[in-house]
Amino acid sequence: MALTGAVGNLFAVAEKYPELRAVESFKLLQEQLTSTENRIAFARQHYNETVRQLNTSIAEFPRNILAGMFGFTAAPMFAGEAGDRANVQTSF
């Protein structure tokens, strides 16, 4: 389930129902979802930056010799699966 799709869908539903946007708990839900989405994006960016640093470190001389001796290999970058970006259906 893609959080980005859920947030976008939630905002689209809110546009159709103005009385829903006025409810304080709905506003709080929107803020929490947006905040969660931002934290996930930051964590994904931090992970990928750390993996990039690791991969660069173990590829440079003389670290590449030690990395090979101790079995260190390049780590994969985070990439979501194709289905993760599909739109999520939300109903209220």
PDB file of N, CA and C in Angstrom:
ATOM      1  N   MET A   1       0.847  -1.179   0.000  1.00  0.00           N
ATOM      2  CA  MET A   1       0.000   0.000   0.000  1.00  0.00           C
ATOM      3  C   MET A   1       0.888   1.237   0.000  1.00  0.00           C
ATOM      4  N   ALA A   2       0.713   2.067  -0.997  1.00  0.00           N
ATOM      5  CA  ALA A   2       1.534   3.261  -1.109  1.00  0.00           C
ATOM      6  C   ALA A   2       0.903   4.392  -0.307  1.00  0.00           C
ATOM      7  N   LEU A   3       1.685   4.920   0.600  1.00  0.00           N
ATOM      8  CA  LEU A   3       1.181   5.999   1.441  1.00  0.00           C
ATOM      9  C   LEU A   3       0.933   7.254   0.623  1.00  0.00           C
ATOM     10  N   THR A   4       1.773   7.497  -0.366  1.00  0.00           N
ATOM     11  CA  THR A   4       1.594   8.673  -1.215  1.00  0.00           C
ATOM     12  C   THR A   4       0.245   8.622  -1.917  1.00  0.00           C
ATOM     13  N   GLY A   5      -0.108   7.458  -2.441  1.00  0.00           N
ATOM     14  CA  GLY A   5      -1.403   7.302  -3.105  1.00  0.00           C
ATOM     15  C   GLY A   5      -2.556   7.467  -2.138  1.00  0.00           C
ATOM     16  N   ALA A   6      -2.377   6.979  -0.927  1.00  0.00           N
ATOM     17  CA  ALA A   6      -3.433   7.085   0.079  1.00  0.00           C
ATOM     18  C   ALA A   6      -3.673   8.536   0.461  1.00  0.00           C
ATOM     19  N   VAL A   7      -2.608   9.284   0.641  1.00  0.00           N
ATOM     20  CA  VAL A   7      -2.748  10.699   1.006  1.00  0.00           C
ATOM     21  C   VAL A   7      -3.403  11.474  -0.123  1.00  0.00           C
ATOM     22  N   GLY A   8      -2.973  11.238  -1.352  1.00  0.00           N
ATOM     23  CA  GLY A   8      -3.570  11.921  -2.494  1.00  0.00           C
ATOM     24  C   GLY A   8      -5.035  11.597  -2.647  1.00  0.00           C
ATOM     25  N   ASN A   9      -5.374  10.316  -2.453  1.00  0.00           N
ATOM     26  CA  ASN A   9      -6.761   9.892  -2.542  1.00  0.00           C
ATOM     27  C   ASN A   9      -7.586  10.504  -1.415  1.00  0.00           C
ATOM     28  N   LEU A  10      -7.010  10.583  -0.231  1.00  0.00           N
ATOM     29  CA  LEU A  10      -7.700  11.165   0.912  1.00  0.00           C
ATOM     30  C   LEU A  10      -8.011  12.635   0.659  1.00  0.00           C
ATOM     31  N   PHE A  11      -7.059  13.361   0.098  1.00  0.00           N
ATOM     32  CA  PHE A  11      -7.281  14.774  -0.207  1.00  0.00           C
ATOM     33  C   PHE A  11      -8.340  14.939  -1.292  1.00  0.00           C
ATOM     34  N   ALA A  12      -8.364  14.020  -2.247  1.00  0.00           N
ATOM     35  CA  ALA A  12      -9.382  14.081  -3.300  1.00  0.00           C
ATOM     36  C   ALA A  12     -10.771  13.854  -2.716  1.00  0.00           C
ATOM     37  N   VAL A  13     -10.895  12.921  -1.794  1.00  0.00           N
ATOM     38  CA  VAL A  13     -12.188  12.671  -1.132  1.00  0.00           C
ATOM     39  C   VAL A  13     -12.611  13.898  -0.342  1.00  0.00           C
ATOM     40  N   ALA A  14     -11.651  14.539   0.312  1.00  0.00           N
ATOM     41  CA  ALA A  14     -11.959  15.734   1.111  1.00  0.00           C
ATOM     42  C   ALA A  14     -12.480  16.864   0.232  1.00  0.00           C
ATOM     43  N   GLU A  15     -12.001  16.954  -0.986  1.00  0.00           N
ATOM     44  CA  GLU A  15     -12.477  17.992  -1.899  1.00  0.00           C
ATOM     45  C   GLU A  15     -13.942  17.781  -2.268  1.00  0.00           C
ATOM     46  N   LYS A  16     -14.368  16.528  -2.343  1.00  0.00           N
ATOM     47  CA  LYS A  16     -15.757  16.229  -2.700  1.00  0.00           C
ATOM     48  C   LYS A  16     -16.719  16.501  -1.551  1.00  0.00           C
ATOM     49  N   TYR A  17     -16.202  16.435  -0.329  1.00  0.00           N
ATOM     50  CA  TYR A  17     -17.062  16.592   0.851  1.00  0.00           C
ATOM     51  C   TYR A  17     -16.518  17.718   1.732  1.00  0.00           C
ATOM     52  N   PRO A  18     -16.929  18.949   1.474  1.00  0.00           N
ATOM     53  CA  PRO A  18     -16.410  20.091   2.247  1.00  0.00           C
ATOM     54  C   PRO A  18     -16.700  19.986   3.743  1.00  0.00           C
ATOM     55  N   GLU A  19     -17.825  19.362   4.104  1.00  0.00           N
ATOM     56  CA  GLU A  19     -18.142  19.243   5.530  1.00  0.00           C
ATOM     57  C   GLU A  19     -17.148  18.312   6.233  1.00  0.00           C
ATOM     58  N   LEU A  20     -16.563  17.387   5.488  1.00  0.00           N
ATOM     59  CA  LEU A  20     -15.566  16.482   6.050  1.00  0.00           C
ATOM     60  C   LEU A  20     -14.276  17.238   6.363  1.00  0.00           C
ATOM     61  N   ARG A  21     -13.923  18.184   5.498  1.00  0.00           N
ATOM     62  CA  ARG A  21     -12.701  18.962   5.725  1.00  0.00           C
ATOM     63  C   ARG A  21     -12.805  19.814   6.975  1.00  0.00           C
ATOM     64  N   ALA A  22     -14.011  20.167   7.381  1.00  0.00           N
ATOM     65  CA  ALA A  22     -14.199  21.020   8.548  1.00  0.00           C
ATOM     66  C   ALA A  22     -14.056  20.261   9.855  1.00  0.00           C
ATOM     67  N   VAL A  23     -14.136  18.953   9.830  1.00  0.00           N
ATOM     68  CA  VAL A  23     -14.045  18.151  11.053  1.00  0.00           C
ATOM     69  C   VAL A  23     -12.598  18.147  11.540  1.00  0.00           C
ATOM     70  N   GLU A  24     -12.410  18.481  12.798  1.00  0.00           N
ATOM     71  CA  GLU A  24     -11.064  18.608  13.360  1.00  0.00           C
ATOM     72  C   GLU A  24     -10.292  17.289  13.327  1.00  0.00           C
ATOM     73  N   SER A  25     -10.953  16.177  13.588  1.00  0.00           N
ATOM     74  CA  SER A  25     -10.251  14.889  13.571  1.00  0.00           C
ATOM     75  C   SER A  25      -9.778  14.530  12.159  1.00  0.00           C
ATOM     76  N   PHE A  26     -10.524  14.953  11.134  1.00  0.00           N
ATOM     77  CA  PHE A  26     -10.104  14.710   9.765  1.00  0.00           C
ATOM     78  C   PHE A  26      -8.873  15.548   9.429  1.00  0.00           C
ATOM     79  N   LYS A  27      -8.848  16.796   9.903  1.00  0.00           N
ATOM     80  CA  LYS A  27      -7.683  17.646   9.696  1.00  0.00           C
ATOM     81  C   LYS A  27      -6.454  17.025  10.359  1.00  0.00           C
ATOM     82  N   LEU A  28      -6.643  16.495  11.550  1.00  0.00           N
ATOM     83  CA  LEU A  28      -5.553  15.849  12.266  1.00  0.00           C
ATOM     84  C   LEU A  28      -5.057  14.622  11.505  1.00  0.00           C
ATOM     85  N   LEU A  29      -5.986  13.847  10.954  1.00  0.00           N
ATOM     86  CA  LEU A  29      -5.614  12.671  10.162  1.00  0.00           C
ATOM     87  C   LEU A  29      -4.789  13.075   8.951  1.00  0.00           C
ATOM     88  N   GLN A  30      -5.204  14.126   8.264  1.00  0.00           N
ATOM     89  CA  GLN A  30      -4.449  14.610   7.110  1.00  0.00           C
ATOM     90  C   GLN A  30      -3.029  15.015   7.506  1.00  0.00           C
ATOM     91  N   GLU A  31      -2.906  15.727   8.613  1.00  0.00           N
ATOM     92  CA  GLU A  31      -1.588  16.160   9.072  1.00  0.00           C
ATOM     93  C   GLU A  31      -0.714  14.969   9.452  1.00  0.00           C
ATOM     94  N   GLN A  32      -1.301  13.985  10.117  1.00  0.00           N
ATOM     95  CA  GLN A  32      -0.535  12.812  10.528  1.00  0.00           C
ATOM     96  C   GLN A  32      -0.077  11.998   9.323  1.00  0.00           C
ATOM     97  N   LEU A  33      -0.944  11.844   8.331  1.00  0.00           N
ATOM     98  CA  LEU A  33      -0.563  11.100   7.136  1.00  0.00           C
ATOM     99  C   LEU A  33       0.549  11.811   6.372  1.00  0.00           C
ATOM    100  N   THR A  34       0.434  13.109   6.249  1.00  0.00           N
ATOM    101  CA  THR A  34       1.462  13.876   5.563  1.00  0.00           C
ATOM    102  C   THR A  34       2.783  13.798   6.317  1.00  0.00           C
ATOM    103  N   SER A  35       2.729  13.908   7.632  1.00  0.00           N
ATOM    104  CA  SER A  35       3.930  13.807   8.456  1.00  0.00           C
ATOM    105  C   SER A  35       4.575  12.425   8.335  1.00  0.00           C
ATOM    106  N   THR A  36       3.754  11.380   8.349  1.00  0.00           N
ATOM    107  CA  THR A  36       4.264  10.016   8.210  1.00  0.00           C
ATOM    108  C   THR A  36       4.912   9.820   6.849  1.00  0.00           C
ATOM    109  N   GLU A  37       4.269  10.335   5.823  1.00  0.00           N
ATOM    110  CA  GLU A  37       4.822  10.241   4.474  1.00  0.00           C
ATOM    111  C   GLU A  37       6.184  10.929   4.392  1.00  0.00           C
ATOM    112  N   ASN A  38       6.311  12.081   5.022  1.00  0.00           N
ATOM    113  CA  ASN A  38       7.578  12.813   5.021  1.00  0.00           C
ATOM    114  C   ASN A  38       8.662  12.062   5.784  1.00  0.00           C
ATOM    115  N   ARG A  39       8.304  11.455   6.918  1.00  0.00           N
ATOM    116  CA  ARG A  39       9.285  10.690   7.693  1.00  0.00           C
ATOM    117  C   ARG A  39       9.762   9.469   6.919  1.00  0.00           C
ATOM    118  N   ILE A  40       8.861   8.812   6.222  1.00  0.00           N
ATOM    119  CA  ILE A  40       9.239   7.643   5.416  1.00  0.00           C
ATOM    120  C   ILE A  40      10.174   8.064   4.290  1.00  0.00           C
ATOM    121  N   ALA A  41       9.863   9.174   3.633  1.00  0.00           N
ATOM    122  CA  ALA A  41      10.721   9.667   2.550  1.00  0.00           C
ATOM    123  C   ALA A  41      12.110  10.017   3.083  1.00  0.00           C
ATOM    124  N   PHE A  42      12.166  10.646   4.259  1.00  0.00           N
ATOM    125  CA  PHE A  42      13.464  10.988   4.854  1.00  0.00           C
ATOM    126  C   PHE A  42      14.242   9.728   5.199  1.00  0.00           C
ATOM    127  N   ALA A  43      13.583   8.724   5.778  1.00  0.00           N
ATOM    128  CA  ALA A  43      14.259   7.479   6.142  1.00  0.00           C
ATOM    129  C   ALA A  43      14.782   6.763   4.900  1.00  0.00           C
ATOM    130  N   ARG A  44      14.001   6.740   3.837  1.00  0.00           N
ATOM    131  CA  ARG A  44      14.435   6.117   2.580  1.00  0.00           C
ATOM    132  C   ARG A  44      15.651   6.858   2.024  1.00  0.00           C
ATOM    133  N   GLN A  45      15.639   8.176   2.053  1.00  0.00           N
ATOM    134  CA  GLN A  45      16.754   8.975   1.570  1.00  0.00           C
ATOM    135  C   GLN A  45      17.998   8.730   2.429  1.00  0.00           C
ATOM    136  N   HIS A  46      17.834   8.672   3.743  1.00  0.00           N
ATOM    137  CA  HIS A  46      18.957   8.424   4.652  1.00  0.00           C
ATOM    138  C   HIS A  46      19.551   7.041   4.404  1.00  0.00           C
ATOM    139  N   TYR A  47      18.707   6.040   4.237  1.00  0.00           N
ATOM    140  CA  TYR A  47      19.175   4.679   3.966  1.00  0.00           C
ATOM    141  C   TYR A  47      19.986   4.643   2.676  1.00  0.00           C
ATOM    142  N   ASN A  48      19.445   5.229   1.612  1.00  0.00           N
ATOM    143  CA  ASN A  48      20.137   5.208   0.325  1.00  0.00           C
ATOM    144  C   ASN A  48      21.470   5.959   0.381  1.00  0.00           C
ATOM    145  N   GLU A  49      21.524   7.050   1.129  1.00  0.00           N
ATOM    146  CA  GLU A  49      22.779   7.787   1.278  1.00  0.00           C
ATOM    147  C   GLU A  49      23.807   6.950   2.044  1.00  0.00           C
ATOM    148  N   THR A  50      23.366   6.260   3.082  1.00  0.00           N
ATOM    149  CA  THR A  50      24.262   5.400   3.856  1.00  0.00           C
ATOM    150  C   THR A  50      24.770   4.241   3.003  1.00  0.00           C
ATOM    151  N   VAL A  51      23.896   3.638   2.209  1.00  0.00           N
ATOM    152  CA  VAL A  51      24.305   2.547   1.309  1.00  0.00           C
ATOM    153  C   VAL A  51      25.297   3.061   0.276  1.00  0.00           C
ATOM    154  N   ARG A  52      25.064   4.246  -0.253  1.00  0.00           N
ATOM    155  CA  ARG A  52      25.993   4.826  -1.223  1.00  0.00           C
ATOM    156  C   ARG A  52      27.371   5.014  -0.601  1.00  0.00           C
ATOM    157  N   GLN A  53      27.414   5.514   0.637  1.00  0.00           N
ATOM    158  CA  GLN A  53      28.689   5.707   1.323  1.00  0.00           C
ATOM    159  C   GLN A  53      29.393   4.369   1.559  1.00  0.00           C
ATOM    160  N   LEU A  54      28.643   3.360   1.980  1.00  0.00           N
ATOM    161  CA  LEU A  54      29.217   2.032   2.196  1.00  0.00           C
ATOM    162  C   LEU A  54      29.775   1.471   0.898  1.00  0.00           C
ATOM    163  N   ASN A  55      28.974   1.506  -0.148  1.00  0.00           N
ATOM    164  CA  ASN A  55      29.406   0.954  -1.434  1.00  0.00           C
ATOM    165  C   ASN A  55      30.646   1.673  -1.970  1.00  0.00           C
ATOM    166  N   THR A  56      30.698   2.980  -1.777  1.00  0.00           N
ATOM    167  CA  THR A  56      31.874   3.739  -2.208  1.00  0.00           C
ATOM    168  C   THR A  56      33.087   3.346  -1.371  1.00  0.00           C
ATOM    169  N   SER A  57      32.897   3.216  -0.077  1.00  0.00           N
ATOM    170  CA  SER A  57      34.002   2.872   0.814  1.00  0.00           C
ATOM    171  C   SER A  57      34.606   1.512   0.501  1.00  0.00           C
ATOM    172  N   ILE A  58      33.764   0.523   0.252  1.00  0.00           N
ATOM    173  CA  ILE A  58      34.312  -0.816   0.025  1.00  0.00           C
ATOM    174  C   ILE A  58      34.851  -0.994  -1.395  1.00  0.00           C
ATOM    175  N   ALA A  59      34.650   0.004  -2.245  1.00  0.00           N
ATOM    176  CA  ALA A  59      35.183  -0.080  -3.606  1.00  0.00           C
ATOM    177  C   ALA A  59      36.521   0.649  -3.750  1.00  0.00           C
ATOM    178  N   GLU A  60      36.889   1.471  -2.762  1.00  0.00           N
ATOM    179  CA  GLU A  60      38.118   2.256  -2.840  1.00  0.00           C
ATOM    180  C   GLU A  60      39.305   1.492  -2.252  1.00  0.00           C
ATOM    181  N   PHE A  61      40.452   1.723  -2.841  1.00  0.00           N
ATOM    182  CA  PHE A  61      41.682   1.136  -2.325  1.00  0.00           C
ATOM    183  C   PHE A  61      42.111   1.915  -1.094  1.00  0.00           C
ATOM    184  N   PRO A  62      42.551   1.340  -0.043  1.00  0.00           N
ATOM    185  CA  PRO A  62      42.834  -0.061   0.237  1.00  0.00           C
ATOM    186  C   PRO A  62      41.664  -0.781   0.921  1.00  0.00           C
ATOM    187  N   ARG A  63      40.583  -0.050   1.118  1.00  0.00           N
ATOM    188  CA  ARG A  63      39.432  -0.679   1.786  1.00  0.00           C
ATOM    189  C   ARG A  63      38.886  -1.861   1.003  1.00  0.00           C
ATOM    190  N   ASN A  64      38.995  -1.814  -0.329  1.00  0.00           N
ATOM    191  CA  ASN A  64      38.455  -2.911  -1.133  1.00  0.00           C
ATOM    192  C   ASN A  64      39.168  -4.228  -0.828  1.00  0.00           C
ATOM    193  N   ILE A  65      40.451  -4.166  -0.461  1.00  0.00           N
ATOM    194  CA  ILE A  65      41.178  -5.383  -0.099  1.00  0.00           C
ATOM    195  C   ILE A  65      40.638  -5.953   1.203  1.00  0.00           C
ATOM    196  N   LEU A  66      40.472  -5.098   2.205  1.00  0.00           N
ATOM    197  CA  LEU A  66      39.926  -5.554   3.488  1.00  0.00           C
ATOM    198  C   LEU A  66      38.477  -6.012   3.339  1.00  0.00           C
ATOM    199  N   ALA A  67      37.704  -5.284   2.548  1.00  0.00           N
ATOM    200  CA  ALA A  67      36.300  -5.661   2.349  1.00  0.00           C
ATOM    201  C   ALA A  67      36.212  -7.037   1.710  1.00  0.00           C
ATOM    202  N   GLY A  68      37.075  -7.306   0.745  1.00  0.00           N
ATOM    203  CA  GLY A  68      37.091  -8.622   0.109  1.00  0.00           C
ATOM    204  C   GLY A  68      37.510  -9.717   1.064  1.00  0.00           C
ATOM    205  N   MET A  69      38.505  -9.437   1.903  1.00  0.00           N
ATOM    206  CA  MET A  69      38.985 -10.432   2.866  1.00  0.00           C
ATOM    207  C   MET A  69      37.908 -10.793   3.888  1.00  0.00           C
ATOM    208  N   PHE A  70      37.123  -9.805   4.298  1.00  0.00           N
ATOM    209  CA  PHE A  70      36.107 -10.044   5.324  1.00  0.00           C
ATOM    210  C   PHE A  70      34.716 -10.305   4.748  1.00  0.00           C
ATOM    211  N   GLY A  71      34.602 -10.370   3.443  1.00  0.00           N
ATOM    212  CA  GLY A  71      33.340 -10.753   2.815  1.00  0.00           C
ATOM    213  C   GLY A  71      32.301  -9.655   2.679  1.00  0.00           C
ATOM    214  N   PHE A  72      32.733  -8.404   2.764  1.00  0.00           N
ATOM    215  CA  PHE A  72      31.786  -7.307   2.577  1.00  0.00           C
ATOM    216  C   PHE A  72      31.467  -7.174   1.087  1.00  0.00           C
ATOM    217  N   THR A  73      30.206  -6.987   0.785  1.00  0.00           N
ATOM    218  CA  THR A  73      29.784  -6.784  -0.596  1.00  0.00           C
ATOM    219  C   THR A  73      28.906  -5.539  -0.668  1.00  0.00           C
ATOM    220  N   ALA A  74      28.693  -5.066  -1.865  1.00  0.00           N
ATOM    221  CA  ALA A  74      27.865  -3.878  -2.066  1.00  0.00           C
ATOM    222  C   ALA A  74      26.428  -4.157  -1.627  1.00  0.00           C
ATOM    223  N   ALA A  75      25.841  -3.200  -0.956  1.00  0.00           N
ATOM    224  CA  ALA A  75      24.455  -3.318  -0.496  1.00  0.00           C
ATOM    225  C   ALA A  75      23.520  -2.719  -1.547  1.00  0.00           C
ATOM    226  N   PRO A  76      22.309  -3.251  -1.643  1.00  0.00           N
ATOM    227  CA  PRO A  76      21.367  -2.704  -2.634  1.00  0.00           C
ATOM    228  C   PRO A  76      20.720  -1.410  -2.135  1.00  0.00           C
ATOM    229  N   MET A  77      20.469  -0.509  -3.051  1.00  0.00           N
ATOM    230  CA  MET A  77      19.726   0.710  -2.732  1.00  0.00           C
ATOM    231  C   MET A  77      18.254   0.338  -2.537  1.00  0.00           C
ATOM    232  N   PHE A  78      17.549   1.152  -1.767  1.00  0.00           N
ATOM    233  CA  PHE A  78      16.127   0.901  -1.586  1.00  0.00           C
ATOM    234  C   PHE A  78      15.380   1.341  -2.829  1.00  0.00           C
ATOM    235  N   ALA A  79      14.567   0.456  -3.343  1.00  0.00           N
ATOM    236  CA  ALA A  79      13.704   0.779  -4.474  1.00  0.00           C
ATOM    237  C   ALA A  79      12.380   0.067  -4.234  1.00  0.00           C
ATOM    238  N   GLY A  80      11.315   0.808  -4.249  1.00  0.00           N
ATOM    239  CA  GLY A  80       9.997   0.207  -4.048  1.00  0.00           C
ATOM    240  C   GLY A  80       9.618  -0.683  -5.210  1.00  0.00           C
ATOM    241  N   GLU A  81       8.728  -1.601  -4.941  1.00  0.00           N
ATOM    242  CA  GLU A  81       8.237  -2.482  -5.995  1.00  0.00           C
ATOM    243  C   GLU A  81       7.193  -1.751  -6.830  1.00  0.00           C
ATOM    244  N   ALA A  82       6.926  -2.275  -8.005  1.00  0.00           N
ATOM    245  CA  ALA A  82       5.997  -1.612  -8.931  1.00  0.00           C
ATOM    246  C   ALA A  82       4.620  -1.426  -8.300  1.00  0.00           C
ATOM    247  N   GLY A  83       4.132  -2.386  -7.567  1.00  0.00           N
ATOM    248  CA  GLY A  83       2.810  -2.305  -6.959  1.00  0.00           C
ATOM    249  C   GLY A  83       2.715  -1.319  -5.807  1.00  0.00           C
ATOM    250  N   ASP A  84       3.866  -0.915  -5.271  1.00  0.00           N
ATOM    251  CA  ASP A  84       3.871   0.022  -4.137  1.00  0.00           C
ATOM    252  C   ASP A  84       3.392   1.408  -4.521  1.00  0.00           C
ATOM    253  N   ARG A  85       3.473   1.736  -5.787  1.00  0.00           N
ATOM    254  CA  ARG A  85       3.083   3.079  -6.237  1.00  0.00           C
ATOM    255  C   ARG A  85       1.674   3.129  -6.819  1.00  0.00           C
ATOM    256  N   ALA A  86       0.968   2.034  -6.756  1.00  0.00           N
ATOM    257  CA  ALA A  86      -0.404   2.003  -7.276  1.00  0.00           C
ATOM    258  C   ALA A  86      -1.305   2.852  -6.387  1.00  0.00           C
ATOM    259  N   ASN A  87      -2.316   3.454  -6.970  1.00  0.00           N
ATOM    260  CA  ASN A  87      -3.269   4.257  -6.199  1.00  0.00           C
ATOM    261  C   ASN A  87      -4.041   3.376  -5.239  1.00  0.00           C
ATOM    262  N   VAL A  88      -4.269   3.892  -4.061  1.00  0.00           N
ATOM    263  CA  VAL A  88      -4.992   3.183  -3.029  1.00  0.00           C
ATOM    264  C   VAL A  88      -6.410   3.728  -2.960  1.00  0.00           C
ATOM    265  N   GLN A  89      -7.381   2.845  -2.917  1.00  0.00           N
ATOM    266  CA  GLN A  89      -8.774   3.265  -2.823  1.00  0.00           C
ATOM    267  C   GLN A  89      -9.144   3.506  -1.366  1.00  0.00           C
ATOM    268  N   THR A  90      -9.698   4.667  -1.091  1.00  0.00           N
ATOM    269  CA  THR A  90     -10.112   5.026   0.262  1.00  0.00           C
ATOM    270  C   THR A  90     -11.583   5.383   0.236  1.00  0.00           C
ATOM    271  N   SER A  91     -12.320   4.855   1.181  1.00  0.00           N
ATOM    272  CA  SER A  91     -13.740   5.209   1.255  1.00  0.00           C
ATOM    273  C   SER A  91     -14.096   5.521   2.697  1.00  0.00           C
ATOM    274  N   PHE A  92     -15.037   6.443   2.859  1.00  0.00           N
ATOM    275  CA  PHE A  92     -15.464   6.859   4.191  1.00  0.00           C
ATOM    276  C   PHE A  92     -16.951   6.644   4.336  1.00  0.00           C
TER     277      PHE A  92
END
